[in-house]
Amino acid sequence: MHTLIADRLGVGDARVIGHDFGAAEAFQYAGPFPDDTARLGYLDLPLPGPAIDAPTYR
């Protein structure tokens, strides 16, 4: 994703946001590339672990 956004598109100050499983992807983009990330937003990031059912997640 970083290669596409920063290198191919030339965006050096990306605003990255993710929701649900996309939140993990947004975090994985911003973590290693803080200089290329102007802002990071994520919400409803599912907790990692084996088979978390809905009542436990809530």
C-alpha atoms as a PDB file:
ATOM      1  CA  MET A   1       0.000   0.000   0.000  1.00  0.00           C
ATOM      2  CA  HIS A   2       2.829   2.382   0.846  1.00  0.00           C
ATOM      3  CA  THR A   3       4.470   1.783  -2.517  1.00  0.00           C
ATOM      4  CA  LEU A   4       1.244   2.697  -4.309  1.00  0.00           C
ATOM      5  CA  ILE A   5       0.417   5.767  -2.212  1.00  0.00           C
ATOM      6  CA  ALA A   6       3.870   7.265  -1.620  1.00  0.00           C
ATOM      7  CA  ASP A   7       5.948   6.068  -4.552  1.00  0.00           C
ATOM      8  CA  ARG A   8       3.525   5.648  -7.450  1.00  0.00           C
ATOM      9  CA  LEU A   9       1.044   8.424  -6.581  1.00  0.00           C
ATOM     10  CA  GLY A  10       3.600  10.702  -4.931  1.00  0.00           C
ATOM     11  CA  VAL A  11       1.532  11.365  -1.801  1.00  0.00           C
ATOM     12  CA  GLY A  12       3.943  12.074   1.044  1.00  0.00           C
ATOM     13  CA  ASP A  13       1.447  13.308   3.596  1.00  0.00           C
ATOM     14  CA  ALA A  14      -1.337  10.708   3.484  1.00  0.00           C
ATOM     15  CA  ARG A  15      -4.388  10.979   5.673  1.00  0.00           C
ATOM     16  CA  VAL A  16      -5.164   7.368   6.523  1.00  0.00           C
ATOM     17  CA  ILE A  17      -8.381   6.122   8.102  1.00  0.00           C
ATOM     18  CA  GLY A  18      -9.713   2.637   8.645  1.00  0.00           C
ATOM     19  CA  HIS A  19     -12.790   1.023  10.087  1.00  0.00           C
ATOM     20  CA  ASP A  20     -13.277  -2.498  11.444  1.00  0.00           C
ATOM     21  CA  PHE A  21     -10.678  -4.794   9.839  1.00  0.00           C
ATOM     22  CA  GLY A  22      -9.469  -1.846   7.743  1.00  0.00           C
ATOM     23  CA  ALA A  23      -8.386  -0.193  10.997  1.00  0.00           C
ATOM     24  CA  ALA A  24      -5.576  -2.717  11.338  1.00  0.00           C
ATOM     25  CA  GLU A  25      -4.469  -1.964   7.790  1.00  0.00           C
ATOM     26  CA  ALA A  26      -4.455   1.777   8.484  1.00  0.00           C
ATOM     27  CA  PHE A  27      -2.386   1.221  11.621  1.00  0.00           C
ATOM     28  CA  GLN A  28       0.045  -1.007   9.714  1.00  0.00           C
ATOM     29  CA  TYR A  29       0.488   1.739   7.111  1.00  0.00           C
ATOM     30  CA  ALA A  30       1.105   4.555   9.581  1.00  0.00           C
ATOM     31  CA  GLY A  31       3.323   2.667  12.036  1.00  0.00           C
ATOM     32  CA  PRO A  32       6.324   1.985   9.799  1.00  0.00           C
ATOM     33  CA  PHE A  33       5.907   5.186   7.751  1.00  0.00           C
ATOM     34  CA  PRO A  34       5.256   8.056  10.192  1.00  0.00           C
ATOM     35  CA  ASP A  35       6.995  10.598   7.950  1.00  0.00           C
ATOM     36  CA  ASP A  36       4.588   9.773   5.105  1.00  0.00           C
ATOM     37  CA  THR A  37       1.471   9.866   7.305  1.00  0.00           C
ATOM     38  CA  ALA A  38      -0.043  13.261   8.132  1.00  0.00           C
ATOM     39  CA  ARG A  39      -2.998  11.869  10.089  1.00  0.00           C
ATOM     40  CA  LEU A  40      -4.217   8.478  11.255  1.00  0.00           C
ATOM     41  CA  GLY A  41      -7.755   7.630  12.240  1.00  0.00           C
ATOM     42  CA  TYR A  42      -9.153   4.245  13.069  1.00  0.00           C
ATOM     43  CA  LEU A  43     -12.234   2.988  14.831  1.00  0.00           C
ATOM     44  CA  ASP A  44     -13.882  -0.251  15.814  1.00  0.00           C
ATOM     45  CA  LEU A  45     -10.630  -2.187  15.619  1.00  0.00           C
ATOM     46  CA  PRO A  46     -11.469  -5.827  16.373  1.00  0.00           C
ATOM     47  CA  LEU A  47      -9.506  -7.334  19.208  1.00  0.00           C
ATOM     48  CA  PRO A  48      -7.095 -10.082  18.206  1.00  0.00           C
ATOM     49  CA  GLY A  49      -7.665 -13.558  19.500  1.00  0.00           C
ATOM     50  CA  PRO A  50      -9.249 -16.878  18.707  1.00  0.00           C
ATOM     51  CA  ALA A  51     -12.931 -16.738  17.755  1.00  0.00           C
ATOM     52  CA  ILE A  52     -14.217 -13.794  19.745  1.00  0.00           C
ATOM     53  CA  ASP A  53     -18.000 -13.960  19.671  1.00  0.00           C
ATOM     54  CA  ALA A  54     -20.168 -10.855  19.468  1.00  0.00           C
ATOM     55  CA  PRO A  55     -21.169 -10.675  23.183  1.00  0.00           C
ATOM     56  CA  THR A  56     -17.554 -10.990  24.271  1.00  0.00           C
ATOM     57  CA  TYR A  57     -16.451  -8.376  21.738  1.00  0.00           C
ATOM     58  CA  ARG A  58     -19.091  -5.912  22.925  1.00  0.00           C
END
